[in-house]
Amino acid sequence: MTNSQSPAPGLHIATIAHAGRIWDAYLEFDDDPHRPNVYRGRVRFDPADSTDFEDPKPRTTVIIIEESYEEAVAKARRFDERSLEGLLRSALPDGSAA
């Protein structure tokens, strides 16, 4: 996005615990050249004890679609810990950190 409010590669929105690990959740934006004025976001999860062998990081599909950066961030920050844990479980490969 060319908007001056575009975030860095990910905006930290929460820290959660799942399966004995600590995970940081980040909001990432996905550019859509057909709809440049829409903010489309996904959540990326980075384990706090990450190793170089854990790539790619678990990500959701685009689950936030808003008309402003502020609305997209507010929606992402409204996810509670239980919702984020469910999103993380759905983004992890089968059998990984279950």
Protein backbone atom coordinates (compact mmCIF):
# COMPACT_ATOMS: atom_id res chain seq x y z
CA MET A 1 0.00 0.00 0.00
CA THR A 2 1.15 3.45 -0.69
CA ASN A 3 -0.69 4.93 2.27
CA SER A 4 1.71 6.59 4.72
CA GLN A 5 0.00 4.70 7.55
CA SER A 6 0.96 1.29 6.16
CA PRO A 7 2.49 -0.79 8.90
CA ALA A 8 5.81 -2.61 8.98
CA PRO A 9 5.67 -6.31 8.05
CA GLY A 10 3.52 -6.97 11.07
CA LEU A 11 1.82 -5.04 13.85
CA HIS A 12 1.95 -6.86 17.21
CA ILE A 13 -1.60 -7.37 18.47
CA ALA A 14 -1.27 -9.92 21.29
CA THR A 15 0.76 -12.57 23.06
CA ILE A 16 -0.88 -15.90 23.85
CA ALA A 17 0.06 -19.30 25.26
CA HIS A 18 -0.72 -22.49 23.34
CA ALA A 19 0.55 -26.06 23.75
CA GLY A 20 3.23 -25.04 26.22
CA ARG A 21 4.64 -22.28 24.02
CA ILE A 22 4.31 -18.51 23.96
CA TRP A 23 3.15 -17.05 20.64
CA ASP A 24 3.15 -13.45 19.42
CA ALA A 25 0.31 -12.54 17.09
CA TYR A 26 0.90 -9.95 14.36
CA LEU A 27 -1.48 -8.27 11.94
CA GLU A 28 -0.15 -8.36 8.39
CA PHE A 29 -1.72 -6.52 5.49
CA ASP A 30 -2.27 -8.01 2.05
CA ASP A 31 -2.28 -5.60 -0.88
CA ASP A 32 -5.09 -5.97 -3.40
CA PRO A 33 -4.31 -4.03 -6.60
CA HIS A 34 -7.99 -4.21 -7.59
CA ARG A 35 -9.09 -2.58 -4.31
CA PRO A 36 -6.25 -0.27 -3.20
CA ASN A 37 -8.43 1.60 -0.67
CA VAL A 38 -9.36 -1.52 1.31
CA TYR A 39 -7.26 -2.86 4.18
CA ARG A 40 -7.12 -6.66 4.07
CA GLY A 41 -5.41 -8.32 7.02
CA ARG A 42 -4.32 -11.73 8.22
CA VAL A 43 -2.84 -12.86 11.53
CA ARG A 44 0.69 -14.30 11.68
CA PHE A 45 1.86 -16.24 14.72
CA ASP A 46 5.52 -16.28 15.77
CA PRO A 47 6.61 -18.60 18.59
CA ALA A 48 8.68 -16.78 21.20
CA ASP A 49 11.18 -19.65 21.21
CA SER A 50 11.39 -19.74 17.43
CA THR A 51 14.18 -21.48 15.61
CA ASP A 52 15.40 -20.86 12.08
CA PHE A 53 13.81 -24.18 11.10
CA GLU A 54 10.26 -22.99 11.79
CA ASP A 55 9.28 -21.40 8.53
CA PRO A 56 6.87 -20.48 7.26
CA LYS A 57 5.22 -18.97 10.30
CA PRO A 58 1.57 -20.02 10.79
CA ARG A 59 -0.79 -17.48 9.20
CA THR A 60 -4.50 -17.21 8.71
CA THR A 61 -6.03 -16.38 5.40
CA VAL A 62 -7.30 -12.80 5.02
CA ILE A 63 -9.88 -12.47 7.79
CA ILE A 64 -10.08 -8.70 8.21
CA ILE A 65 -11.38 -6.42 5.48
CA GLU A 66 -11.92 -2.79 6.44
CA GLU A 67 -12.00 0.59 4.74
CA SER A 68 -9.39 2.17 7.00
CA TYR A 69 -6.15 1.15 8.64
CA GLU A 70 -7.52 2.16 12.06
CA GLU A 71 -10.65 0.01 11.66
CA ALA A 72 -8.56 -2.99 10.62
CA VAL A 73 -6.23 -2.62 13.61
CA ALA A 74 -9.16 -2.16 16.00
CA LYS A 75 -10.84 -5.31 14.68
CA ALA A 76 -7.62 -7.33 15.07
CA ARG A 77 -7.13 -6.09 18.63
CA ARG A 78 -10.69 -7.15 19.54
CA PHE A 79 -9.79 -10.84 19.16
CA ASP A 80 -9.66 -12.35 22.64
CA GLU A 81 -7.13 -14.97 23.70
CA ARG A 82 -9.53 -17.86 23.02
CA SER A 83 -10.25 -16.63 19.49
CA LEU A 84 -6.56 -16.15 18.74
CA GLU A 85 -5.77 -19.63 20.05
CA GLY A 86 -8.43 -21.07 17.73
CA LEU A 87 -6.98 -19.16 14.79
CA LEU A 88 -3.51 -20.43 15.68
CA ARG A 89 -4.71 -24.05 15.90
CA SER A 90 -6.36 -23.73 12.50
CA ALA A 91 -3.19 -22.23 10.97
CA LEU A 92 -0.77 -24.86 12.33
CA PRO A 93 0.09 -27.86 10.16
CA ASP A 94 -1.66 -31.08 11.24
CA GLY A 95 0.00 -32.56 14.30
CA SER A 96 2.19 -29.51 14.93
CA ALA A 97 2.16 -28.06 18.46
CA ALA A 98 -1.29 -29.50 19.12
